Protein backbone atom coordinates (compact mmCIF):
# COMPACT_ATOMS: atom_id res chain seq x y z
CA MET A 1 0.26 -8.93 16.64
CA ARG A 2 0.36 -5.22 15.90
CA THR A 3 -2.85 -3.61 14.74
CA LEU A 4 -4.02 -0.93 12.36
CA VAL A 5 -7.24 -0.09 14.17
CA GLY A 6 -8.62 3.19 12.92
CA CYS A 7 -6.34 3.41 9.86
CA ARG A 8 -7.60 3.78 6.31
CA VAL A 9 -5.31 1.79 4.03
CA LEU A 10 -5.30 2.21 0.27
CA VAL A 11 -4.70 -1.11 -1.47
CA ALA A 12 -3.46 -0.81 -5.05
CA GLU A 13 -3.06 -4.35 -6.40
CA ASP A 14 -4.04 -5.72 -9.81
CA GLU A 15 -3.91 -9.45 -9.00
CA PRO A 16 -7.35 -10.39 -7.60
CA LEU A 17 -6.10 -13.19 -5.33
CA VAL A 18 -3.33 -11.04 -3.87
CA ALA A 19 -5.80 -8.18 -3.38
CA MET A 20 -8.19 -10.49 -1.51
CA LEU A 21 -5.36 -11.72 0.72
CA LEU A 22 -4.31 -8.13 1.44
CA GLU A 23 -7.87 -7.22 2.34
CA ASP A 24 -8.19 -10.16 4.72
CA VAL A 25 -4.88 -9.42 6.45
CA LEU A 26 -5.61 -5.71 6.79
CA LEU A 27 -9.18 -6.25 8.00
CA ASP A 28 -7.92 -8.75 10.59
CA ALA A 29 -5.52 -6.04 11.79
CA GLY A 30 -8.43 -3.61 12.19
CA ALA A 31 -7.85 -1.42 9.14
CA THR A 32 -10.47 0.12 6.90
CA ILE A 33 -9.74 -0.71 3.27
CA LEU A 34 -9.83 1.80 0.43
CA GLY A 35 -10.01 -0.25 -2.74
CA PRO A 36 -8.58 -2.44 -3.89
CA ALA A 37 -7.63 -0.45 -6.95
CA SER A 38 -6.35 -2.47 -9.88
CA THR A 39 -5.22 0.48 -12.01
CA VAL A 40 -3.37 3.74 -11.48
CA ALA A 41 -6.52 5.70 -12.41
CA GLU A 42 -8.61 3.84 -9.80
CA ALA A 43 -5.96 4.38 -7.11
CA LEU A 44 -5.77 8.11 -7.87
CA LEU A 45 -9.55 8.41 -7.77
CA LEU A 46 -9.78 6.62 -4.41
CA THR A 47 -7.02 8.80 -3.00
CA ALA A 48 -8.81 11.95 -4.17
CA GLN A 49 -12.13 10.80 -2.71
CA GLN A 50 -10.83 9.92 0.74
CA ARG A 51 -7.32 10.54 2.06
CA PRO A 52 -5.79 7.26 3.24
CA ASP A 53 -3.60 7.04 6.33
CA LEU A 54 -1.34 4.45 4.68
CA ALA A 55 -1.02 2.71 1.33
CA VAL A 56 0.23 -0.56 -0.11
CA LEU A 57 1.17 -0.15 -3.77
CA ASP A 58 1.91 -2.94 -6.20
CA LEU A 59 4.79 -1.65 -8.31
CA ASN A 60 3.08 -2.72 -11.55
CA LEU A 61 -0.66 -1.96 -11.81
CA SER A 62 -2.15 -3.45 -14.96
CA GLY A 63 1.02 -2.77 -16.95
CA GLU A 64 1.60 0.71 -15.54
CA THR A 65 4.06 1.71 -12.83
CA CYS A 66 2.53 3.03 -9.61
CA LEU A 67 4.72 6.17 -9.79
CA ALA A 68 1.80 8.59 -10.29
CA VAL A 69 0.05 7.15 -7.23
CA ALA A 70 3.27 7.36 -5.20
CA ASP A 71 3.68 10.99 -6.27
CA ALA A 72 0.11 11.84 -5.21
CA LEU A 73 0.49 10.10 -1.87
CA ALA A 74 3.83 11.77 -1.16
CA ALA A 75 2.36 15.19 -2.03
CA ALA A 76 -0.46 14.53 0.45
CA GLY A 77 1.95 13.32 3.14
CA VAL A 78 0.59 9.76 3.11
CA PRO A 79 3.14 7.07 4.00
CA PHE A 80 3.23 4.13 1.61
CA LEU A 81 5.17 1.01 0.81
CA VAL A 82 5.71 -0.80 -2.47
CA ALA A 83 5.15 -4.52 -2.94
CA THR A 84 6.85 -6.18 -5.87
CA GLY A 85 7.92 -9.51 -7.20
CA PHE A 86 10.50 -7.90 -9.50
CA GLY A 87 13.28 -7.65 -6.93
CA ALA A 88 13.94 -3.93 -7.40
CA ASP A 89 16.11 -2.36 -4.70
CA ASP A 90 15.00 1.16 -5.54
CA PRO A 91 11.80 0.76 -7.58
CA LEU A 92 10.77 4.43 -7.53
CA PRO A 93 13.86 6.64 -7.86
CA ARG A 94 11.86 9.83 -7.11
CA HIS A 95 10.92 8.22 -3.80
CA ALA A 96 14.32 7.06 -2.64
CA GLY A 97 14.18 5.02 0.49
CA VAL A 98 10.58 3.89 0.10
CA GLN A 99 10.04 0.64 1.92
CA VAL A 100 9.84 -2.37 -0.42
CA LEU A 101 8.20 -5.69 0.39
CA GLN A 102 9.30 -8.52 -1.84
CA LYS A 103 6.48 -10.80 -2.94
CA PRO A 104 5.62 -13.25 -1.59
CA TYR A 105 5.68 -11.86 1.94
CA GLU A 106 4.25 -13.00 5.25
CA PRO A 107 1.11 -11.23 6.49
CA THR A 108 2.88 -10.26 9.72
CA ALA A 109 5.68 -8.66 7.67
CA LEU A 110 3.10 -6.47 5.92
CA ILE A 111 1.47 -5.34 9.17
CA ASP A 112 4.84 -4.69 10.81
CA ALA A 113 6.00 -2.70 7.78
CA LEU A 114 2.86 -0.56 7.81
CA CYS A 115 3.17 0.06 11.55
CA ARG A 116 6.77 1.23 11.05
CA LEU A 117 5.71 3.87 8.54
CA GLY A 118 4.92 6.22 11.40
CA SER A 119 1.21 6.66 10.79
CA PRO A 120 -1.40 7.07 13.52
CA VAL A 121 -1.68 3.33 14.14
CA ARG A 122 -2.77 1.93 17.45
CA ILE A 123 -0.56 -0.85 18.80
């Protein structure tokens, strides 16, 4: 299995059980977790406090789109992916081509997707 040893991963997810699963999967892969953030405001605060290497963004955070978080990450040069159960092909038009993981997804699919983002991961 690929690893994320040494990577700080921002987790923005408002469903507690999904957030716990994400944490477990990412910790098992060697990542350091920033969050989880359940709101856009929390995700922006975490990003401002410590720059993540990667991010996993739920498309809908407590009724708000993750667009502001995506904008902040893109401005900082932080690769991210969007996880959604809504089936959107292009969920964030300003970020065309962003990788989308359809919920539910396999833990290995998440790790592989993060490794493909081109961050400083160790494989």
